[in-house]
């Protein structure tokens, strides 16, 4: 039967019969409307999802709506906000069948729905969108509910494959709740190789977690990953001081097939886009790596701190010289980088060494969360007040990224460029004479307010500038260095 032969009366009758007392009649009506692709029935079909008691008929309603997706989608999105939990759950169910990335933003509020059945369907629907936009919100639900509910969240992450691994790794590394860390480890194991392989080092570190259940979950996840690096991590845990953990590792090792030890990734000349920054008196160092995931590693940050301390102890060494410094165990910085690179499965390099004699130092986070190391040279007597002010200015340099300390430090060519650009804008705006000169002077003052440290508004005391913050304190700034992971690429 074609659409042309279906009368409006028949469609109207079928819509009415969706609410018939006889389930067989309701089922037939839903089938007919789907067979006819009766778009005008979409509002009634979506409304029926929230009150239909029969699971089988709700599945038929789902099939019917899937035959008219363009008409049904906006109605289903609206139903996600329905006070009736069944409407929300069924709308999630239908949208999961469509798997449209554009639905991700509409599903986000339901990922934390107080009704577990709704949240579970929303998790699955979010996983089907394949959108990275849902991963952080999904990770916020780790550790929720009983084992069945937690499994449903893990399965949603499994559908996202590698997209969800960074969010899971962050929870494994940083969450204060042991149940969340355990669930994150379990989920990484379920995702499996190759998608979860970038988290191997973090899972290995988690085998030393303070919580026993997290340790077991991390080791079990490593056992589920089909990777030489994962198997090497399991073998390392077989020497654990924890007898129960050691026994599990030994059982996993017995399942391993013989294979060569993991090797370091091939050296590369391409830029490494991620990394960590560490600071010590008078020096900043950056260890660069291939993925932001690795920057969560305790081993990487600890190695960066060690390298910074070594650099401070050897102030005459440049980057190449620092790589060859001998460590107490007989290895070198270069050797330590290579060893960690093998464990991580990606290239790691000493990308930068910045020095400023006698400088205060700190590491802060930039607006995007990346670490920023700062050195700040200054004169002025030591004391609590000086330390407090210098700490504020270290934060200023980290967040506001000035280019010079004072206006006199700005190169003449930069001022020439600012003036030339301001002259061009003034001419384009039809300004002449004194007004044009004032516009140019204003542009140069604006440049100083943005890029000259002393002229910037203080981020900690926004009622004044850095110059005003220093006034009368006997502190003079002599220079700074600023290093963010990725700056040199």
Protein backbone atom coordinates (compact mmCIF):
# COMPACT_ATOMS: atom_id res chain seq x y z
CA UNK A 1 0.00 0.00 0.00
CA UNK A 2 1.43 3.39 -0.97
CA UNK A 3 1.12 6.65 0.89
CA UNK A 4 -1.25 7.93 -1.78
CA UNK A 5 -3.82 5.23 -0.98
CA UNK A 6 -3.76 5.81 2.77
CA UNK A 7 -6.59 8.10 3.77
CA UNK A 8 -6.30 10.66 6.51
CA UNK A 9 -9.14 8.88 8.26
CA UNK A 10 -7.20 5.61 8.43
CA UNK A 11 -4.17 7.37 9.91
CA UNK A 12 -6.36 9.22 12.40
CA UNK A 13 -8.02 5.97 13.39
CA UNK A 14 -4.67 4.25 13.91
CA UNK A 15 -3.50 7.14 16.10
CA UNK A 16 -6.59 6.73 18.27
CA UNK A 17 -6.04 2.97 18.47
CA UNK A 18 -2.54 3.51 19.89
CA UNK A 19 -4.36 4.01 23.19
CA UNK A 20 -6.78 1.09 22.88
CA UNK A 21 -7.31 -1.14 25.92
CA UNK A 22 -6.44 -4.23 23.86
CA UNK A 23 -2.64 -4.61 23.47
CA UNK A 24 -3.08 -6.51 20.20
CA UNK A 25 -4.95 -3.53 18.76
CA UNK A 26 -2.28 -1.11 19.99
CA UNK A 27 0.43 -3.27 18.44
CA UNK A 28 -1.40 -3.42 15.10
CA UNK A 29 -1.88 0.35 15.09
CA UNK A 30 1.84 0.95 15.70
CA UNK A 31 2.79 -1.49 12.95
CA UNK A 32 0.38 0.13 10.49
CA UNK A 33 1.67 3.63 11.18
CA UNK A 34 5.23 2.45 10.68
CA UNK A 35 4.37 0.57 7.51
CA UNK A 36 2.67 3.67 6.13
CA UNK A 37 5.46 5.97 7.37
CA UNK A 38 2.71 8.28 8.58
CA UNK A 39 4.79 11.30 9.58
CA UNK A 40 1.74 13.10 10.97
CA UNK A 41 1.51 10.40 13.64
CA UNK A 42 4.97 11.18 15.07
CA UNK A 43 3.73 13.40 17.96
CA UNK A 44 1.27 10.73 19.07
CA UNK A 45 3.88 8.00 18.78
CA UNK A 46 6.41 9.92 20.89
CA UNK A 47 3.75 10.73 23.47
CA UNK A 48 2.75 7.06 23.62
CA UNK A 49 6.31 6.04 24.47
CA UNK A 50 5.88 7.50 27.93
CA UNK A 51 2.66 5.70 28.85
CA UNK A 52 2.74 2.38 26.98
CA UNK A 53 2.99 -0.41 29.61
CA UNK A 54 4.01 -3.18 27.20
CA UNK A 55 7.73 -3.48 26.49
CA UNK A 56 7.02 -5.26 23.20
CA UNK A 57 4.74 -2.48 22.02
CA UNK A 58 7.28 0.18 23.06
CA UNK A 59 9.80 -1.61 20.86
CA UNK A 60 7.31 -1.49 17.99
CA UNK A 61 6.78 2.22 18.60
CA UNK A 62 10.56 2.59 18.43
CA UNK A 63 10.64 0.79 15.07
CA UNK A 64 7.86 3.01 13.78
CA UNK A 65 9.64 6.23 14.80
CA UNK A 66 12.88 5.04 13.21
CA UNK A 67 11.04 4.93 9.89
CA UNK A 68 10.42 8.69 10.13
CA UNK A 69 13.68 9.98 11.68
CA UNK A 70 13.63 13.54 10.38
CA UNK A 71 10.17 14.18 11.79
CA UNK A 72 10.73 12.21 14.99
CA UNK A 73 14.13 13.58 16.02
CA UNK A 74 13.05 17.04 17.28
CA UNK A 75 10.12 15.45 19.12
CA UNK A 76 12.42 12.91 20.76
CA UNK A 77 14.86 15.62 21.78
CA UNK A 78 12.00 17.52 23.39
CA UNK A 79 10.91 14.35 25.19
CA UNK A 80 14.33 14.17 26.85
CA UNK A 81 13.11 16.97 29.10
CA UNK A 82 9.76 15.35 29.95
CA UNK A 83 8.99 15.08 33.71
CA UNK A 84 7.88 11.48 33.09
CA UNK A 85 10.90 9.22 33.52
CA UNK A 86 9.56 6.64 31.06
CA UNK A 87 9.32 9.27 28.33
CA UNK A 88 12.92 10.29 28.93
CA UNK A 89 14.14 6.69 28.96
CA UNK A 90 12.33 5.73 25.76
CA UNK A 91 13.45 8.89 23.97
CA UNK A 92 17.04 7.96 24.84
CA UNK A 93 16.38 4.45 23.56
CA UNK A 94 15.13 5.63 20.17
CA UNK A 95 17.92 8.19 19.78
CA UNK A 96 20.47 5.46 20.53
CA UNK A 97 19.23 3.65 17.43
CA UNK A 98 19.85 6.75 15.33
CA UNK A 99 23.42 7.26 16.58
CA UNK A 100 23.63 10.88 15.46
CA UNK A 101 26.57 12.92 16.86
CA UNK A 102 24.31 15.97 16.78
CA UNK A 103 22.19 14.41 19.56
CA UNK A 104 25.10 14.48 22.01
CA UNK A 105 24.38 17.95 23.38
CA UNK A 106 20.74 17.03 24.05
CA UNK A 107 21.72 13.86 25.89
CA UNK A 108 24.26 15.51 28.20
CA UNK A 109 21.78 16.56 30.93
CA UNK A 110 20.38 13.02 31.14
CA UNK A 111 23.74 11.41 31.82
CA UNK A 112 23.25 12.44 35.45
CA UNK A 113 19.51 11.69 35.55
CA UNK A 114 18.45 10.68 39.08
CA UNK A 115 16.54 7.68 37.71
CA UNK A 116 19.09 4.92 37.10
CA UNK A 117 17.09 3.39 34.24
CA UNK A 118 17.05 6.74 32.42
CA UNK A 119 20.72 7.42 33.08
CA UNK A 120 21.70 3.96 31.84
CA UNK A 121 19.82 4.42 28.55
CA UNK A 122 21.28 7.90 28.20
CA UNK A 123 24.79 6.50 28.66
CA UNK A 124 24.21 3.96 25.92
CA UNK A 125 22.72 6.59 23.61
CA UNK A 126 25.68 8.89 24.28
CA UNK A 127 28.07 6.09 23.41
CA UNK A 128 26.25 5.53 20.14
CA UNK A 129 26.73 9.17 19.11
CA UNK A 130 30.47 8.61 18.83
CA UNK A 131 30.96 12.18 20.01
CA UNK A 132 33.92 13.20 22.19
CA UNK A 133 31.64 15.83 23.74
CA UNK A 134 30.06 13.22 26.03
CA UNK A 135 33.19 11.66 27.52
CA UNK A 136 33.80 13.99 30.46
CA UNK A 137 30.14 13.94 31.49
CA UNK A 138 30.10 10.15 31.27
CA UNK A 139 33.24 9.96 33.39
CA UNK A 140 31.50 11.98 36.10
CA UNK A 141 29.16 9.00 36.57
CA UNK A 142 31.94 6.51 37.31
CA UNK A 143 31.36 4.64 40.55
CA UNK A 144 27.60 5.22 40.52
CA UNK A 145 25.17 2.49 41.54
CA UNK A 146 25.47 -1.27 41.76
CA UNK A 147 27.59 -3.52 39.59
CA UNK A 148 24.91 -3.83 36.90
CA UNK A 149 24.60 -0.07 36.54
CA UNK A 150 28.37 0.40 36.52
CA UNK A 151 28.67 -2.24 33.83
CA UNK A 152 26.21 -0.34 31.64
CA UNK A 153 28.41 2.75 31.88
CA UNK A 154 31.51 0.73 31.05
CA UNK A 155 29.76 -0.68 27.98
CA UNK A 156 28.89 2.84 26.84
CA UNK A 157 32.58 3.75 27.10
CA UNK A 158 33.46 0.60 25.19
CA UNK A 159 31.39 1.93 22.29
CA UNK A 160 33.41 5.16 22.31
CA UNK A 161 36.68 3.22 22.10
CA UNK A 162 39.72 5.53 22.21
CA UNK A 163 37.61 8.68 22.55
CA UNK A 164 36.81 7.91 26.18
CA UNK A 165 40.28 6.83 27.28
CA UNK A 166 41.61 10.30 28.27
CA UNK A 167 38.60 11.00 30.50
CA UNK A 168 38.91 7.59 32.14
CA UNK A 169 42.64 8.07 32.65
CA UNK A 170 42.09 11.41 34.37
CA UNK A 171 39.64 9.80 36.81
CA UNK A 172 42.01 6.92 37.43
CA UNK A 173 44.83 9.34 38.15
CA UNK A 174 43.11 12.12 40.07
CA UNK A 175 39.73 11.17 41.53
CA UNK A 176 39.60 11.14 45.32
CA UNK A 177 37.04 8.31 45.49
CA UNK A 178 38.53 4.83 45.31
CA UNK A 179 35.31 3.47 43.78
CA UNK A 180 35.66 5.86 40.87
CA UNK A 181 39.30 4.94 40.30
CA UNK A 182 38.41 1.25 40.43
CA UNK A 183 35.57 1.70 37.93
CA UNK A 184 37.84 3.68 35.60
CA UNK A 185 40.42 0.88 35.64
CA UNK A 186 37.77 -1.77 35.03
CA UNK A 187 36.43 0.21 32.07
CA UNK A 188 39.85 0.66 30.50
CA UNK A 189 40.28 -3.10 30.65
CA UNK A 190 36.92 -3.61 28.98
CA UNK A 191 37.79 -1.19 26.18
CA UNK A 192 40.89 -3.28 25.58
CA UNK A 193 43.65 -3.08 23.01
CA UNK A 194 44.53 -1.18 20.97
CA UNK A 195 42.24 1.62 22.10
CA UNK A 196 43.20 1.61 25.80
CA UNK A 197 46.91 0.95 25.22
CA UNK A 198 47.85 4.64 25.75
CA UNK A 199 46.72 4.21 29.38
CA UNK A 200 49.08 1.30 30.12
CA UNK A 201 51.56 3.40 32.08
CA UNK A 202 48.79 4.96 34.18
CA UNK A 203 47.31 1.53 34.87
CA UNK A 204 50.75 0.30 35.92
CA UNK A 205 51.06 3.24 38.31
CA UNK A 206 47.60 2.45 39.68
CA UNK A 207 48.82 -0.99 40.78
CA UNK A 208 50.46 0.98 43.62
CA UNK A 209 47.21 2.78 44.53
CA UNK A 210 46.50 3.08 48.29
CA UNK A 211 43.24 1.16 47.80
CA UNK A 212 43.50 -2.61 47.33
CA UNK A 213 40.47 -2.83 45.02
CA UNK A 214 41.94 -0.18 42.73
CA UNK A 215 45.24 -2.06 42.63
CA UNK A 216 43.48 -5.28 41.63
CA UNK A 217 41.31 -3.52 39.04
CA UNK A 218 44.35 -1.89 37.46
CA UNK A 219 46.28 -5.15 37.32
CA UNK A 220 43.27 -6.99 35.93
CA UNK A 221 42.89 -4.30 33.25
CA UNK A 222 46.54 -4.72 32.27
CA UNK A 223 45.88 -8.44 31.98
CA UNK A 224 43.08 -7.76 29.51
CA UNK A 225 45.23 -5.64 27.21
CA UNK A 226 46.88 -7.50 24.34
CA UNK A 227 50.11 -5.53 24.23
CA UNK A 228 53.75 -6.36 24.97
CA UNK A 229 53.93 -3.23 27.13
CA UNK A 230 50.93 -4.35 29.17
CA UNK A 231 52.44 -7.79 29.66
CA UNK A 232 55.74 -6.20 30.71
CA UNK A 233 53.84 -4.13 33.28
CA UNK A 234 52.17 -7.28 34.62
CA UNK A 235 55.56 -8.97 34.93
CA UNK A 236 56.85 -5.97 36.88
CA UNK A 237 53.93 -6.27 39.32
CA UNK A 238 54.79 -9.93 39.90
CA UNK A 239 57.57 -8.57 42.15
CA UNK A 240 55.07 -6.58 44.24
CA UNK A 241 55.29 -6.50 48.02
CA UNK A 242 51.54 -7.14 48.14
CA UNK A 243 51.25 -10.96 48.22
CA UNK A 244 47.69 -11.05 46.81
CA UNK A 245 48.60 -8.69 43.99
CA UNK A 246 51.76 -10.68 43.32
CA UNK A 247 49.81 -13.95 43.08
CA UNK A 248 47.37 -12.44 40.57
CA UNK A 249 50.25 -11.07 38.51
CA UNK A 250 51.95 -14.47 38.53
CA UNK A 251 48.76 -16.13 37.27
CA UNK A 252 48.52 -13.57 34.49
CA UNK A 253 52.17 -14.03 33.59
CA UNK A 254 51.68 -17.79 33.20
CA UNK A 255 49.17 -17.05 30.44
CA UNK A 256 51.69 -14.98 28.49
CA UNK A 257 53.25 -16.35 25.36
CA UNK A 258 57.03 -15.89 24.92
CA UNK A 259 57.82 -12.63 23.16
CA UNK A 260 60.64 -10.09 22.86
CA UNK A 261 60.79 -7.31 25.41
CA UNK A 262 59.15 -4.03 24.34
CA UNK A 263 61.46 -1.66 22.50
CA UNK A 264 61.64 2.11 22.47
CA UNK A 265 59.62 3.90 19.79
CA UNK A 266 61.60 4.98 16.77
CA UNK A 267 63.22 8.41 17.19
CA UNK A 268 61.30 11.13 15.41
CA UNK A 269 62.10 14.60 14.15
CA UNK A 270 58.47 15.65 14.21
CA UNK A 271 57.32 17.99 16.98
CA UNK A 272 55.99 16.36 20.13
CA UNK A 273 52.79 18.26 20.91
CA UNK A 274 52.33 17.55 24.64
CA UNK A 275 54.48 17.54 27.72
CA UNK A 276 55.13 18.52 31.32
CA UNK A 277 57.15 21.38 32.79
CA UNK A 278 59.16 21.28 36.02
CA UNK A 279 60.98 24.05 37.86
CA UNK A 280 63.92 24.27 40.25
CA UNK A 281 65.95 27.29 41.43
CA UNK A 282 67.04 29.18 38.33
CA UNK A 283 65.86 26.60 35.78
CA UNK A 284 62.84 25.30 33.88
CA UNK A 285 62.74 22.03 31.94
CA UNK A 286 60.17 20.56 29.60
CA UNK A 287 59.75 16.86 28.89
CA UNK A 288 57.79 16.53 25.67
CA UNK A 289 55.69 13.53 24.67
CA UNK A 290 53.21 12.50 22.02
CA UNK A 291 49.93 12.47 23.95
CA UNK A 292 48.22 14.54 26.62
CA UNK A 293 47.30 11.23 28.23
CA UNK A 294 50.91 10.58 29.18
CA UNK A 295 51.12 13.97 30.90
CA UNK A 296 48.88 12.47 33.62
CA UNK A 297 51.63 9.99 34.51
CA UNK A 298 53.26 10.25 37.93
CA UNK A 299 56.39 8.68 36.45
CA UNK A 300 56.71 11.40 33.82
CA UNK A 301 56.19 14.26 36.27
CA UNK A 302 58.60 12.67 38.76
CA UNK A 303 61.23 12.32 36.04
CA UNK A 304 60.72 15.96 35.03
CA UNK A 305 61.27 17.02 38.65
CA UNK A 306 64.47 14.94 38.81
CA UNK A 307 65.78 16.48 35.60
CA UNK A 308 65.00 20.00 36.86
CA UNK A 309 66.86 19.30 40.11
CA UNK A 310 69.85 17.97 38.15
CA UNK A 311 69.78 21.01 35.89
CA UNK A 312 69.86 23.31 38.93
CA UNK A 313 72.84 21.36 40.30
CA UNK A 314 74.69 21.71 36.96
CA UNK A 315 74.09 25.36 35.99
CA UNK A 316 76.67 25.34 33.19
CA UNK A 317 75.08 22.52 31.19
CA UNK A 318 72.90 23.07 28.16
CA UNK A 319 70.26 20.60 27.00
CA UNK A 320 72.69 18.23 25.28
CA UNK A 321 75.03 18.21 28.24
CA UNK A 322 72.20 17.56 30.66
CA UNK A 323 71.14 14.48 28.70
CA UNK A 324 74.50 12.87 29.49
CA UNK A 325 74.56 13.60 33.23
CA UNK A 326 75.25 10.40 35.19
CA UNK A 327 72.74 9.38 37.83
CA UNK A 328 73.56 7.55 41.09
CA UNK A 329 72.39 4.22 39.64
CA UNK A 330 74.78 4.54 36.70
CA UNK A 331 72.21 5.53 34.08
CA UNK A 332 71.92 8.93 32.41
CA UNK A 333 69.09 11.36 31.81
CA UNK A 334 69.01 10.12 28.22
CA UNK A 335 68.77 6.53 29.45
CA UNK A 336 65.95 7.36 31.88
CA UNK A 337 64.00 9.04 29.10
CA UNK A 338 64.47 6.00 26.87
CA UNK A 339 63.39 3.59 29.62
CA UNK A 340 60.22 5.55 30.34
CA UNK A 341 59.55 5.84 26.61
CA UNK A 342 59.56 2.03 26.36
CA UNK A 343 57.09 1.73 29.22
CA UNK A 344 54.85 4.45 27.81
CA UNK A 345 55.00 3.29 24.19
CA UNK A 346 55.62 6.77 22.84
CA UNK A 347 58.50 9.15 22.28
CA UNK A 348 59.65 11.29 25.22
CA UNK A 349 62.27 14.01 24.83
CA UNK A 350 63.98 16.71 26.86
CA UNK A 351 62.56 19.49 24.73
CA UNK A 352 63.73 22.64 26.50
CA UNK A 353 65.92 23.98 29.28
CA UNK A 354 65.48 27.63 30.30
CA UNK A 355 67.71 29.36 32.84
CA UNK A 356 67.69 32.63 34.77
CA UNK A 357 70.23 32.99 37.56
CA UNK A 358 68.93 33.61 41.05
CA UNK A 359 65.31 33.58 39.95
CA UNK A 360 62.22 32.60 41.89
CA UNK A 361 60.34 29.74 40.28
CA UNK A 362 56.88 28.23 40.06
CA UNK A 363 54.72 26.03 37.85
CA UNK A 364 51.11 27.05 37.26
CA UNK A 365 48.34 25.98 34.87
CA UNK A 366 47.44 27.97 31.76
CA UNK A 367 43.84 28.65 30.79
CA UNK A 368 43.78 25.39 28.80
CA UNK A 369 45.17 23.42 31.74
CA UNK A 370 48.66 22.95 30.32
CA UNK A 371 51.54 23.48 32.77
CA UNK A 372 53.43 26.78 32.63
CA UNK A 373 56.80 27.18 34.28
CA UNK A 374 58.00 30.64 35.28
CA UNK A 375 61.31 32.07 36.46
CA UNK A 376 61.29 35.61 37.84
CA UNK A 377 64.43 37.62 38.54
CA UNK A 378 64.15 40.38 41.12
CA UNK A 379 66.04 42.42 43.66
CA UNK A 380 64.81 43.19 47.15
CA UNK A 381 65.32 41.84 50.62
CA UNK A 382 63.91 38.45 51.54
CA UNK A 383 60.91 38.26 53.79
CA UNK A 384 57.26 37.18 53.95
CA UNK A 385 56.03 40.30 52.17
CA UNK A 386 58.53 39.92 49.35
CA UNK A 387 57.73 36.23 48.96
CA UNK A 388 53.99 37.00 48.83
CA UNK A 389 54.40 39.67 46.15
CA UNK A 390 56.77 37.55 44.05
CA UNK A 391 54.31 34.63 44.21
CA UNK A 392 51.61 36.91 42.80
CA UNK A 393 53.86 38.06 39.97
CA UNK A 394 54.88 34.49 39.12
CA UNK A 395 51.18 33.73 38.66
CA UNK A 396 50.80 36.91 36.57
CA UNK A 397 53.52 35.83 34.18
CA UNK A 398 52.09 32.32 33.92
CA UNK A 399 48.53 33.37 33.14
CA UNK A 400 48.95 36.70 31.32
CA UNK A 401 52.07 35.85 29.26
CA UNK A 402 53.76 39.26 29.13
CA UNK A 403 56.49 39.80 26.58
CA UNK A 404 58.62 42.37 28.41
CA UNK A 405 59.14 43.56 31.98
CA UNK A 406 59.04 47.31 31.27
CA UNK A 407 58.17 49.53 28.32
CA UNK A 408 61.87 50.29 27.89
CA UNK A 409 62.52 46.60 27.28
CA UNK A 410 60.23 46.47 24.23
CA UNK A 411 62.42 46.38 21.08
CA UNK A 412 62.28 49.46 18.88
CA UNK A 413 61.14 47.38 15.91
CA UNK A 414 58.10 46.24 17.90
CA UNK A 415 57.14 49.82 18.76
CA UNK A 416 57.66 50.74 15.10
CA UNK A 417 55.30 47.95 14.07
CA UNK A 418 52.66 48.98 16.61
CA UNK A 419 52.89 52.61 15.48
CA UNK A 420 52.71 51.70 11.78
CA UNK A 421 49.63 49.52 12.30
CA UNK A 422 47.97 52.29 14.35
CA UNK A 423 48.78 54.86 11.64
CA UNK A 424 47.17 52.62 9.03
CA UNK A 425 44.01 52.21 11.13
CA UNK A 426 43.81 55.95 11.75
CA UNK A 427 44.03 56.68 8.03
CA UNK A 428 41.46 54.00 7.25
CA UNK A 429 39.13 55.60 9.81
CA UNK A 430 39.65 59.03 8.24
CA UNK A 431 41.46 60.49 11.26
CA UNK A 432 43.90 63.36 10.80
CA UNK A 433 45.96 65.76 12.84
CA UNK A 434 45.87 65.69 16.63
CA UNK A 435 43.07 63.12 16.74
CA UNK A 436 45.11 60.69 14.65
CA UNK A 437 48.11 61.22 16.91
CA UNK A 438 46.00 60.48 19.98
CA UNK A 439 44.69 57.30 18.36
CA UNK A 440 48.26 56.15 17.71
CA UNK A 441 49.35 57.00 21.26
CA UNK A 442 46.36 55.10 22.60
CA UNK A 443 47.25 52.04 20.54
CA UNK A 444 50.78 52.06 21.93
CA UNK A 445 49.45 52.38 25.48
CA UNK A 446 47.09 49.48 24.81
CA UNK A 447 50.00 47.36 23.62
CA UNK A 448 51.86 48.08 26.85
CA UNK A 449 48.79 47.22 28.95
CA UNK A 450 48.52 43.85 27.21
CA UNK A 451 52.15 42.83 26.84
CA UNK A 452 54.34 44.73 29.34
CA UNK A 453 54.40 43.09 32.76
CA UNK A 454 54.58 46.27 34.83
CA UNK A 455 51.68 47.81 32.89
CA UNK A 456 49.36 44.79 33.10
CA UNK A 457 46.39 44.83 35.46
CA UNK A 458 47.25 42.55 38.37
CA UNK A 459 45.42 39.24 38.18
CA UNK A 460 45.45 38.96 41.98
CA UNK A 461 44.79 42.66 42.77
CA UNK A 462 42.73 43.92 39.81
CA UNK A 463 42.36 47.38 41.31
CA UNK A 464 45.82 48.27 40.01
CA UNK A 465 48.73 47.32 37.81
CA UNK A 466 51.80 45.26 38.64
CA UNK A 467 53.75 48.51 38.84
CA UNK A 468 51.31 49.75 41.49
CA UNK A 469 51.57 46.44 43.34
CA UNK A 470 55.34 46.91 43.61
CA UNK A 471 55.23 50.60 44.55
CA UNK A 472 57.13 51.37 47.75
CA UNK A 473 58.09 47.76 48.45
CA UNK A 474 61.74 47.95 47.44
CA UNK A 475 61.32 45.17 44.86
CA UNK A 476 62.62 45.56 41.31
CA UNK A 477 61.95 43.03 38.56
CA UNK A 478 64.99 42.18 36.46
CA UNK A 479 63.63 39.60 34.02
CA UNK A 480 61.56 36.49 33.54
CA UNK A 481 61.37 33.27 31.59
CA UNK A 482 58.15 31.47 30.74
CA UNK A 483 57.87 27.93 29.39
CA UNK A 484 54.70 26.10 28.40
CA UNK A 485 54.61 22.58 26.99
CA UNK A 486 54.56 23.09 23.22
CA UNK A 487 56.09 26.59 23.25
CA UNK A 488 59.08 25.56 21.16
CA UNK A 489 57.14 23.76 18.43
